[in-house]
Amino acid sequence: QIQNSQYWYEHLPGHLFYTNPACTHFELGAIANAWLERWASLK
């Protein structure tokens, strides 16, 4: 699904909802960068 998405952040909140629903503001930066690298590599 990530590979078919147009925007890198489109599915990030949904993935957090199922994998890390208690994610805080302070953790979000590292998670977002890891997700972006994952999205770019899949594309």
ModelCIF file with pLDDT and N, C-alpha, C, O atoms, coordinates in Angstrom:
data_MODEL
#
_entry.id   MODEL 
#
_entity.id                         1 
_entity.type                       polymer 
_entity.pdbx_number_of_molecules   1 
#
_entity_poly.entity_id                      1 
_entity_poly.type                           'polypeptide(L)' 
_entity_poly.nstd_linkage                   no 
_entity_poly.nstd_monomer                   no 
_entity_poly.pdbx_seq_one_letter_code       QIQNSQYWYEHLPGHLFYTNPACTHFELGAIANAWLERWASLK 
_entity_poly.pdbx_seq_one_letter_code_can   QIQNSQYWYEHLPGHLFYTNPACTHFELGAIANAWLERWASLK 
_entity_poly.pdbx_strand_id                 A 
#
loop_
_entity_poly_seq.entity_id 
_entity_poly_seq.num 
_entity_poly_seq.mon_id 
_entity_poly_seq.hetero 
1 1  GLN n 
1 2  ILE n 
1 3  GLN n 
1 4  ASN n 
1 5  SER n 
1 6  GLN n 
1 7  TYR n 
1 8  TRP n 
1 9  TYR n 
1 10 GLU n 
1 11 HIS n 
1 12 LEU n 
1 13 PRO n 
1 14 GLY n 
1 15 HIS n 
1 16 LEU n 
1 17 PHE n 
1 18 TYR n 
1 19 THR n 
1 20 ASN n 
1 21 PRO n 
1 22 ALA n 
1 23 CYS n 
1 24 THR n 
1 25 HIS n 
1 26 PHE n 
1 27 GLU n 
1 28 LEU n 
1 29 GLY n 
1 30 ALA n 
1 31 ILE n 
1 32 ALA n 
1 33 ASN n 
1 34 ALA n 
1 35 TRP n 
1 36 LEU n 
1 37 GLU n 
1 38 ARG n 
1 39 TRP n 
1 40 ALA n 
1 41 SER n 
1 42 LEU n 
1 43 LYS n 
#
_struct_asym.id          A 
_struct_asym.entity_id   1 
#
loop_
_ma_qa_metric.id 
_ma_qa_metric.mode 
_ma_qa_metric.name 
_ma_qa_metric.software_group_id 
_ma_qa_metric.type 
1 global pLDDT . pLDDT 
2 local  pLDDT . pLDDT 
#
_ma_qa_metric_global.metric_id      1 
_ma_qa_metric_global.metric_value   91.09 
_ma_qa_metric_global.model_id       1 
_ma_qa_metric_global.ordinal_id     1 
#
loop_
_ma_qa_metric_local.label_asym_id 
_ma_qa_metric_local.label_comp_id 
_ma_qa_metric_local.label_seq_id 
_ma_qa_metric_local.metric_id 
_ma_qa_metric_local.metric_value 
_ma_qa_metric_local.model_id 
_ma_qa_metric_local.ordinal_id 
A GLN 1  2 89.00 1 1  
A ILE 2  2 90.00 1 2  
A GLN 3  2 89.00 1 3  
A ASN 4  2 87.00 1 4  
A SER 5  2 89.00 1 5  
A GLN 6  2 88.00 1 6  
A TYR 7  2 91.00 1 7  
A TRP 8  2 93.00 1 8  
A TYR 9  2 94.00 1 9  
A GLU 10 2 93.00 1 10 
A HIS 11 2 94.00 1 11 
A LEU 12 2 95.00 1 12 
A PRO 13 2 95.00 1 13 
A GLY 14 2 94.00 1 14 
A HIS 15 2 94.00 1 15 
A LEU 16 2 94.00 1 16 
A PHE 17 2 93.00 1 17 
A TYR 18 2 92.00 1 18 
A THR 19 2 91.00 1 19 
A ASN 20 2 89.00 1 20 
A PRO 21 2 87.00 1 21 
A ALA 22 2 84.00 1 22 
A CYS 23 2 88.00 1 23 
A THR 24 2 87.00 1 24 
A HIS 25 2 88.00 1 25 
A PHE 26 2 89.00 1 26 
A GLU 27 2 92.00 1 27 
A LEU 28 2 94.00 1 28 
A GLY 29 2 93.00 1 29 
A ALA 30 2 95.00 1 30 
A ILE 31 2 95.00 1 31 
A ALA 32 2 95.00 1 32 
A ASN 33 2 94.00 1 33 
A ALA 34 2 94.00 1 34 
A TRP 35 2 94.00 1 35 
A LEU 36 2 93.00 1 36 
A GLU 37 2 91.00 1 37 
A ARG 38 2 92.00 1 38 
A TRP 39 2 91.00 1 39 
A ALA 40 2 89.00 1 40 
A SER 41 2 89.00 1 41 
A LEU 42 2 88.00 1 42 
A LYS 43 2 81.00 1 43 
#
loop_
_atom_site.group_PDB 
_atom_site.id 
_atom_site.type_symbol 
_atom_site.label_atom_id 
_atom_site.label_alt_id 
_atom_site.label_comp_id 
_atom_site.label_asym_id 
_atom_site.label_entity_id 
_atom_site.label_seq_id 
_atom_site.pdbx_PDB_ins_code 
_atom_site.Cartn_x 
_atom_site.Cartn_y 
_atom_site.Cartn_z 
_atom_site.occupancy 
_atom_site.B_iso_or_equiv 
_atom_site.pdbx_formal_charge 
_atom_site.auth_seq_id 
_atom_site.auth_comp_id 
_atom_site.auth_asym_id 
_atom_site.auth_atom_id 
_atom_site.pdbx_PDB_model_num 
ATOM 1   N N  . GLN A 1 1  ? 0.822  -1.211 0.000  1.00 89.00 ? 1  GLN A N  1 
ATOM 2   C CA . GLN A 1 1  ? 0.000  0.000  0.000  1.00 89.00 ? 1  GLN A CA 1 
ATOM 3   C C  . GLN A 1 1  ? 0.861  1.268  0.000  1.00 89.00 ? 1  GLN A C  1 
ATOM 4   O O  . GLN A 1 1  ? 0.527  2.252  -0.660 1.00 89.00 ? 1  GLN A O  1 
ATOM 5   N N  . ILE A 1 2  ? 1.953  1.236  0.734  1.00 90.00 ? 2  ILE A N  1 
ATOM 6   C CA . ILE A 1 2  ? 2.849  2.402  0.779  1.00 90.00 ? 2  ILE A CA 1 
ATOM 7   C C  . ILE A 1 2  ? 3.418  2.684  -0.600 1.00 90.00 ? 2  ILE A C  1 
ATOM 8   O O  . ILE A 1 2  ? 3.537  3.837  -1.014 1.00 90.00 ? 2  ILE A O  1 
ATOM 9   N N  . GLN A 1 3  ? 3.760  1.634  -1.295 1.00 89.00 ? 3  GLN A N  1 
ATOM 10  C CA . GLN A 1 3  ? 4.356  1.785  -2.623 1.00 89.00 ? 3  GLN A CA 1 
ATOM 11  C C  . GLN A 1 3  ? 3.397  2.471  -3.600 1.00 89.00 ? 3  GLN A C  1 
ATOM 12  O O  . GLN A 1 3  ? 3.830  3.155  -4.527 1.00 89.00 ? 3  GLN A O  1 
ATOM 13  N N  . ASN A 1 4  ? 2.103  2.285  -3.385 1.00 87.00 ? 4  ASN A N  1 
ATOM 14  C CA . ASN A 1 4  ? 1.109  2.879  -4.281 1.00 87.00 ? 4  ASN A CA 1 
ATOM 15  C C  . ASN A 1 4  ? 0.662  4.278  -3.853 1.00 87.00 ? 4  ASN A C  1 
ATOM 16  O O  . ASN A 1 4  ? -0.101 4.929  -4.568 1.00 87.00 ? 4  ASN A O  1 
ATOM 17  N N  . SER A 1 5  ? 1.131  4.744  -2.695 1.00 89.00 ? 5  SER A N  1 
ATOM 18  C CA . SER A 1 5  ? 0.679  6.049  -2.192 1.00 89.00 ? 5  SER A CA 1 
ATOM 19  C C  . SER A 1 5  ? 1.432  7.178  -2.906 1.00 89.00 ? 5  SER A C  1 
ATOM 20  O O  . SER A 1 5  ? 2.575  7.010  -3.329 1.00 89.00 ? 5  SER A O  1 
ATOM 21  N N  . GLN A 1 6  ? 0.766  8.330  -3.028 1.00 88.00 ? 6  GLN A N  1 
ATOM 22  C CA . GLN A 1 6  ? 1.352  9.482  -3.715 1.00 88.00 ? 6  GLN A CA 1 
ATOM 23  C C  . GLN A 1 6  ? 2.175  10.357 -2.776 1.00 88.00 ? 6  GLN A C  1 
ATOM 24  O O  . GLN A 1 6  ? 3.176  10.948 -3.180 1.00 88.00 ? 6  GLN A O  1 
ATOM 25  N N  . TYR A 1 7  ? 1.739  10.435 -1.508 1.00 91.00 ? 7  TYR A N  1 
ATOM 26  C CA . TYR A 1 7  ? 2.408  11.304 -0.537 1.00 91.00 ? 7  TYR A CA 1 
ATOM 27  C C  . TYR A 1 7  ? 3.018  10.448 0.559  1.00 91.00 ? 7  TYR A C  1 
ATOM 28  O O  . TYR A 1 7  ? 2.427  9.455  0.984  1.00 91.00 ? 7  TYR A O  1 
ATOM 29  N N  . TRP A 1 8  ? 4.197  10.831 1.015  1.00 93.00 ? 8  TRP A N  1 
ATOM 30  C CA . TRP A 1 8  ? 4.902  9.998  1.975  1.00 93.00 ? 8  TRP A CA 1 
ATOM 31  C C  . TRP A 1 8  ? 4.181  9.918  3.318  1.00 93.00 ? 8  TRP A C  1 
ATOM 32  O O  . TRP A 1 8  ? 4.304  8.916  4.022  1.00 93.00 ? 8  TRP A O  1 
ATOM 33  N N  . TYR A 1 9  ? 3.439  10.949 3.681  1.00 94.00 ? 9  TYR A N  1 
ATOM 34  C CA . TYR A 1 9  ? 2.806  11.009 4.993  1.00 94.00 ? 9  TYR A CA 1 
ATOM 35  C C  . TYR A 1 9  ? 1.362  10.505 4.977  1.00 94.00 ? 9  TYR A C  1 
ATOM 36  O O  . TYR A 1 9  ? 0.702  10.506 6.015  1.00 94.00 ? 9  TYR A O  1 
ATOM 37  N N  . GLU A 1 10 ? 0.865  10.077 3.820  1.00 93.00 ? 10 GLU A N  1 
ATOM 38  C CA . GLU A 1 10 ? -0.551 9.740  3.676  1.00 93.00 ? 10 GLU A CA 1 
ATOM 39  C C  . GLU A 1 10 ? -0.973 8.600  4.600  1.00 93.00 ? 10 GLU A C  1 
ATOM 40  O O  . GLU A 1 10 ? -2.062 8.648  5.173  1.00 93.00 ? 10 GLU A O  1 
ATOM 41  N N  . HIS A 1 11 ? -0.135 7.579  4.755  1.00 94.00 ? 11 HIS A N  1 
ATOM 42  C CA . HIS A 1 11 ? -0.522 6.395  5.540  1.00 94.00 ? 11 HIS A CA 1 
ATOM 43  C C  . HIS A 1 11 ? 0.227  6.293  6.867  1.00 94.00 ? 11 HIS A C  1 
ATOM 44  O O  . HIS A 1 11 ? 0.052  5.318  7.598  1.00 94.00 ? 11 HIS A O  1 
ATOM 45  N N  . LEU A 1 12 ? 1.053  7.279  7.185  1.00 95.00 ? 12 LEU A N  1 
ATOM 46  C CA . LEU A 1 12 ? 1.811  7.216  8.436  1.00 95.00 ? 12 LEU A CA 1 
ATOM 47  C C  . LEU A 1 12 ? 0.907  7.216  9.667  1.00 95.00 ? 12 LEU A C  1 
ATOM 48  O O  . LEU A 1 12 ? 1.102  6.364  10.534 1.00 95.00 ? 12 LEU A O  1 
ATOM 49  N N  . PRO A 1 13 ? -0.071 8.119  9.799  1.00 95.00 ? 13 PRO A N  1 
ATOM 50  C CA . PRO A 1 13 ? -0.920 8.085  11.004 1.00 95.00 ? 13 PRO A CA 1 
ATOM 51  C C  . PRO A 1 13 ? -1.670 6.766  11.162 1.00 95.00 ? 13 PRO A C  1 
ATOM 52  O O  . PRO A 1 13 ? -1.805 6.265  12.278 1.00 95.00 ? 13 PRO A O  1 
ATOM 53  N N  . GLY A 1 14 ? -2.167 6.188  10.045 1.00 94.00 ? 14 GLY A N  1 
ATOM 54  C CA . GLY A 1 14 ? -2.871 4.914  10.138 1.00 94.00 ? 14 GLY A CA 1 
ATOM 55  C C  . GLY A 1 14 ? -1.963 3.798  10.606 1.00 94.00 ? 14 GLY A C  1 
ATOM 56  O O  . GLY A 1 14 ? -2.369 2.959  11.410 1.00 94.00 ? 14 GLY A O  1 
ATOM 57  N N  . HIS A 1 15 ? -0.730 3.779  10.108 1.00 94.00 ? 15 HIS A N  1 
ATOM 58  C CA . HIS A 1 15 ? 0.217  2.742  10.532 1.00 94.00 ? 15 HIS A CA 1 
ATOM 59  C C  . HIS A 1 15 ? 0.539  2.886  12.015 1.00 94.00 ? 15 HIS A C  1 
ATOM 60  O O  . HIS A 1 15 ? 0.659  1.890  12.728 1.00 94.00 ? 15 HIS A O  1 
ATOM 61  N N  . LEU A 1 16 ? 0.682  4.150  12.485 1.00 94.00 ? 16 LEU A N  1 
ATOM 62  C CA . LEU A 1 16 ? 0.931  4.369  13.914 1.00 94.00 ? 16 LEU A CA 1 
ATOM 63  C C  . LEU A 1 16 ? -0.257 3.905  14.749 1.00 94.00 ? 16 LEU A C  1 
ATOM 64  O O  . LEU A 1 16 ? -0.077 3.387  15.851 1.00 94.00 ? 16 LEU A O  1 
ATOM 65  N N  . PHE A 1 17 ? -1.444 4.084  14.239 1.00 93.00 ? 17 PHE A N  1 
ATOM 66  C CA . PHE A 1 17 ? -2.651 3.697  14.969 1.00 93.00 ? 17 PHE A CA 1 
ATOM 67  C C  . PHE A 1 17 ? -2.651 2.202  15.272 1.00 93.00 ? 17 PHE A C  1 
ATOM 68  O O  . PHE A 1 17 ? -3.168 1.779  16.307 1.00 93.00 ? 17 PHE A O  1 
ATOM 69  N N  . TYR A 1 18 ? -2.070 1.391  14.368 1.00 92.00 ? 18 TYR A N  1 
ATOM 70  C CA . TYR A 1 18 ? -2.074 -0.058 14.554 1.00 92.00 ? 18 TYR A CA 1 
ATOM 71  C C  . TYR A 1 18 ? -0.784 -0.590 15.153 1.00 92.00 ? 18 TYR A C  1 
ATOM 72  O O  . TYR A 1 18 ? -0.755 -1.721 15.638 1.00 92.00 ? 18 TYR A O  1 
ATOM 73  N N  . THR A 1 19 ? 0.271  0.189  15.130 1.00 91.00 ? 19 THR A N  1 
ATOM 74  C CA . THR A 1 19 ? 1.561  -0.318 15.612 1.00 91.00 ? 19 THR A CA 1 
ATOM 75  C C  . THR A 1 19 ? 2.095  0.437  16.829 1.00 91.00 ? 19 THR A C  1 
ATOM 76  O O  . THR A 1 19 ? 2.776  -0.151 17.669 1.00 91.00 ? 19 THR A O  1 
ATOM 77  N N  . ASN A 1 20 ? 1.794  1.728  16.932 1.00 89.00 ? 20 ASN A N  1 
ATOM 78  C CA . ASN A 1 20 ? 2.299  2.534  18.055 1.00 89.00 ? 20 ASN A CA 1 
ATOM 79  C C  . ASN A 1 20 ? 1.280  3.617  18.402 1.00 89.00 ? 20 ASN A C  1 
ATOM 80  O O  . ASN A 1 20 ? 1.576  4.804  18.261 1.00 89.00 ? 20 ASN A O  1 
ATOM 81  N N  . PRO A 1 21 ? 0.083  3.230  18.853 1.00 87.00 ? 21 PRO A N  1 
ATOM 82  C CA . PRO A 1 21 ? -0.983 4.212  19.080 1.00 87.00 ? 21 PRO A CA 1 
ATOM 83  C C  . PRO A 1 21 ? -0.694 5.195  20.203 1.00 87.00 ? 21 PRO A C  1 
ATOM 84  O O  . PRO A 1 21 ? -1.350 6.234  20.279 1.00 87.00 ? 21 PRO A O  1 
ATOM 85  N N  . ALA A 1 22 ? 0.257  4.907  21.074 1.00 84.00 ? 22 ALA A N  1 
ATOM 86  C CA . ALA A 1 22 ? 0.607  5.820  22.163 1.00 84.00 ? 22 ALA A CA 1 
ATOM 87  C C  . ALA A 1 22 ? 1.810  6.685  21.808 1.00 84.00 ? 22 ALA A C  1 
ATOM 88  O O  . ALA A 1 22 ? 2.463  7.229  22.699 1.00 84.00 ? 22 ALA A O  1 
ATOM 89  N N  . CYS A 1 23 ? 2.112  6.819  20.518 1.00 88.00 ? 23 CYS A N  1 
ATOM 90  C CA . CYS A 1 23 ? 3.253  7.633  20.064 1.00 88.00 ? 23 CYS A CA 1 
ATOM 91  C C  . CYS A 1 23 ? 3.081  9.084  20.518 1.00 88.00 ? 23 CYS A C  1 
ATOM 92  O O  . CYS A 1 23 ? 1.998  9.653  20.385 1.00 88.00 ? 23 CYS A O  1 
ATOM 93  N N  . THR A 1 24 ? 4.134  9.674  21.045 1.00 87.00 ? 24 THR A N  1 
ATOM 94  C CA . THR A 1 24 ? 4.084  11.054 21.535 1.00 87.00 ? 24 THR A CA 1 
ATOM 95  C C  . THR A 1 24 ? 4.716  12.005 20.521 1.00 87.00 ? 24 THR A C  1 
ATOM 96  O O  . THR A 1 24 ? 5.351  11.596 19.549 1.00 87.00 ? 24 THR A O  1 
ATOM 97  N N  . HIS A 1 25 ? 4.516  13.259 20.788 1.00 88.00 ? 25 HIS A N  1 
ATOM 98  C CA . HIS A 1 25 ? 5.064  14.315 19.938 1.00 88.00 ? 25 HIS A CA 1 
ATOM 99  C C  . HIS A 1 25 ? 6.578  14.199 19.831 1.00 88.00 ? 25 HIS A C  1 
ATOM 100 O O  . HIS A 1 25 ? 7.145  14.431 18.763 1.00 88.00 ? 25 HIS A O  1 
ATOM 101 N N  . PHE A 1 26 ? 7.232  13.845 20.918 1.00 89.00 ? 26 PHE A N  1 
ATOM 102 C CA . PHE A 1 26 ? 8.696  13.807 20.952 1.00 89.00 ? 26 PHE A CA 1 
ATOM 103 C C  . PHE A 1 26 ? 9.261  12.629 20.164 1.00 89.00 ? 26 PHE A C  1 
ATOM 104 O O  . PHE A 1 26 ? 10.401 12.688 19.702 1.00 89.00 ? 26 PHE A O  1 
ATOM 105 N N  . GLU A 1 27 ? 8.480  11.559 20.003 1.00 92.00 ? 27 GLU A N  1 
ATOM 106 C CA . GLU A 1 27 ? 8.925  10.398 19.236 1.00 92.00 ? 27 GLU A CA 1 
ATOM 107 C C  . GLU A 1 27 ? 8.648  10.553 17.745 1.00 92.00 ? 27 GLU A C  1 
ATOM 108 O O  . GLU A 1 27 ? 9.215  9.829  16.927 1.00 92.00 ? 27 GLU A O  1 
ATOM 109 N N  . LEU A 1 28 ? 7.794  11.476 17.397 1.00 94.00 ? 28 LEU A N  1 
ATOM 110 C CA . LEU A 1 28 ? 7.276  11.547 16.039 1.00 94.00 ? 28 LEU A CA 1 
ATOM 111 C C  . LEU A 1 28 ? 8.362  11.846 15.010 1.00 94.00 ? 28 LEU A C  1 
ATOM 112 O O  . LEU A 1 28 ? 8.310  11.327 13.895 1.00 94.00 ? 28 LEU A O  1 
ATOM 113 N N  . GLY A 1 29 ? 9.346  12.677 15.364 1.00 93.00 ? 29 GLY A N  1 
ATOM 114 C CA . GLY A 1 29 ? 10.387 13.055 14.399 1.00 93.00 ? 29 GLY A CA 1 
ATOM 115 C C  . GLY A 1 29 ? 11.174 11.860 13.897 1.00 93.00 ? 29 GLY A C  1 
ATOM 116 O O  . GLY A 1 29 ? 11.351 11.691 12.690 1.00 93.00 ? 29 GLY A O  1 
ATOM 117 N N  . ALA A 1 30 ? 11.647 11.028 14.818 1.00 95.00 ? 30 ALA A N  1 
ATOM 118 C CA . ALA A 1 30 ? 12.421 9.842  14.430 1.00 95.00 ? 30 ALA A CA 1 
ATOM 119 C C  . ALA A 1 30 ? 11.559 8.861  13.643 1.00 95.00 ? 30 ALA A C  1 
ATOM 120 O O  . ALA A 1 30 ? 12.014 8.272  12.662 1.00 95.00 ? 30 ALA A O  1 
ATOM 121 N N  . ILE A 1 31 ? 10.313 8.692  14.078 1.00 95.00 ? 31 ILE A N  1 
ATOM 122 C CA . ILE A 1 31 ? 9.410  7.775  13.376 1.00 95.00 ? 31 ILE A CA 1 
ATOM 123 C C  . ILE A 1 31 ? 9.133  8.276  11.962 1.00 95.00 ? 31 ILE A C  1 
ATOM 124 O O  . ILE A 1 31 ? 9.113  7.487  11.018 1.00 95.00 ? 31 ILE A O  1 
ATOM 125 N N  . ALA A 1 32 ? 8.920  9.584  11.810 1.00 95.00 ? 32 ALA A N  1 
ATOM 126 C CA . ALA A 1 32 ? 8.625  10.152 10.492 1.00 95.00 ? 32 ALA A CA 1 
ATOM 127 C C  . ALA A 1 32 ? 9.800  9.959  9.535  1.00 95.00 ? 32 ALA A C  1 
ATOM 128 O O  . ALA A 1 32 ? 9.595  9.627  8.367  1.00 95.00 ? 32 ALA A O  1 
ATOM 129 N N  . ASN A 1 33 ? 11.041 10.167 10.022 1.00 94.00 ? 33 ASN A N  1 
ATOM 130 C CA . ASN A 1 33 ? 12.209 9.981  9.152  1.00 94.00 ? 33 ASN A CA 1 
ATOM 131 C C  . ASN A 1 33 ? 12.380 8.529  8.738  1.00 94.00 ? 33 ASN A C  1 
ATOM 132 O O  . ASN A 1 33 ? 12.722 8.242  7.590  1.00 94.00 ? 33 ASN A O  1 
ATOM 133 N N  . ALA A 1 34 ? 12.143 7.613  9.669  1.00 94.00 ? 34 ALA A N  1 
ATOM 134 C CA . ALA A 1 34 ? 12.238 6.189  9.333  1.00 94.00 ? 34 ALA A CA 1 
ATOM 135 C C  . ALA A 1 34 ? 11.163 5.807  8.314  1.00 94.00 ? 34 ALA A C  1 
ATOM 136 O O  . ALA A 1 34 ? 11.421 5.040  7.387  1.00 94.00 ? 34 ALA A O  1 
ATOM 137 N N  . TRP A 1 35 ? 9.969  6.344  8.494  1.00 94.00 ? 35 TRP A N  1 
ATOM 138 C CA . TRP A 1 35 ? 8.875  6.060  7.562  1.00 94.00 ? 35 TRP A CA 1 
ATOM 139 C C  . TRP A 1 35 ? 9.182  6.632  6.181  1.00 94.00 ? 35 TRP A C  1 
ATOM 140 O O  . TRP A 1 35 ? 8.896  5.993  5.168  1.00 94.00 ? 35 TRP A O  1 
ATOM 141 N N  . LEU A 1 36 ? 9.763  7.832  6.134  1.00 93.00 ? 36 LEU A N  1 
ATOM 142 C CA . LEU A 1 36 ? 10.103 8.453  4.855  1.00 93.00 ? 36 LEU A CA 1 
ATOM 143 C C  . LEU A 1 36 ? 11.139 7.629  4.100  1.00 93.00 ? 36 LEU A C  1 
ATOM 144 O O  . LEU A 1 36 ? 11.035 7.450  2.886  1.00 93.00 ? 36 LEU A O  1 
ATOM 145 N N  . GLU A 1 37 ? 12.130 7.132  4.816  1.00 91.00 ? 37 GLU A N  1 
ATOM 146 C CA . GLU A 1 37 ? 13.142 6.285  4.170  1.00 91.00 ? 37 GLU A CA 1 
ATOM 147 C C  . GLU A 1 37 ? 12.510 5.000  3.637  1.00 91.00 ? 37 GLU A C  1 
ATOM 148 O O  . GLU A 1 37 ? 12.856 4.527  2.554  1.00 91.00 ? 37 GLU A O  1 
ATOM 149 N N  . ARG A 1 38 ? 11.591 4.451  4.400  1.00 92.00 ? 38 ARG A N  1 
ATOM 150 C CA . ARG A 1 38 ? 10.891 3.233  3.968  1.00 92.00 ? 38 ARG A CA 1 
ATOM 151 C C  . ARG A 1 38 ? 10.079 3.516  2.703  1.00 92.00 ? 38 ARG A C  1 
ATOM 152 O O  . ARG A 1 38 ? 10.097 2.728  1.757  1.00 92.00 ? 38 ARG A O  1 
ATOM 153 N N  . TRP A 1 39 ? 9.372  4.639  2.693  1.00 91.00 ? 39 TRP A N  1 
ATOM 154 C CA . TRP A 1 39 ? 8.548  5.019  1.533  1.00 91.00 ? 39 TRP A CA 1 
ATOM 155 C C  . TRP A 1 39 ? 9.415  5.249  0.296  1.00 91.00 ? 39 TRP A C  1 
ATOM 156 O O  . TRP A 1 39 ? 9.063  4.811  -0.799 1.00 91.00 ? 39 TRP A O  1 
ATOM 157 N N  . ALA A 1 40 ? 10.552 5.936  0.468  1.00 89.00 ? 40 ALA A N  1 
ATOM 158 C CA . ALA A 1 40 ? 11.436 6.229  -0.660 1.00 89.00 ? 40 ALA A CA 1 
ATOM 159 C C  . ALA A 1 40 ? 12.073 4.959  -1.212 1.00 89.00 ? 40 ALA A C  1 
ATOM 160 O O  . ALA A 1 40 ? 12.207 4.804  -2.426 1.00 89.00 ? 40 ALA A O  1 
ATOM 161 N N  . SER A 1 41 ? 12.464 4.051  -0.320 1.00 89.00 ? 41 SER A N  1 
ATOM 162 C CA . SER A 1 41 ? 13.091 2.807  -0.789 1.00 89.00 ? 41 SER A CA 1 
ATOM 163 C C  . SER A 1 41 ? 12.092 1.949  -1.560 1.00 89.00 ? 41 SER A C  1 
ATOM 164 O O  . SER A 1 41 ? 12.457 1.325  -2.556 1.00 89.00 ? 41 SER A O  1 
ATOM 165 N N  . LEU A 1 42 ? 10.844 1.909  -1.116 1.00 88.00 ? 42 LEU A N  1 
ATOM 166 C CA . LEU A 1 42 ? 9.821  1.132  -1.822 1.00 88.00 ? 42 LEU A CA 1 
ATOM 167 C C  . LEU A 1 42 ? 9.527  1.720  -3.197 1.00 88.00 ? 42 LEU A C  1 
ATOM 168 O O  . LEU A 1 42 ? 9.133  0.999  -4.115 1.00 88.00 ? 42 LEU A O  1 
ATOM 169 N N  . LYS A 1 43 ? 9.719  3.028  -3.338 1.00 81.00 ? 43 LYS A N  1 
ATOM 170 C CA . LYS A 1 43 ? 9.511  3.671  -4.631 1.00 81.00 ? 43 LYS A CA 1 
ATOM 171 C C  . LYS A 1 43 ? 10.798 3.726  -5.461 1.00 81.00 ? 43 LYS A C  1 
ATOM 172 O O  . LYS A 1 43 ? 10.790 4.239  -6.580 1.00 81.00 ? 43 LYS A O  1 
#
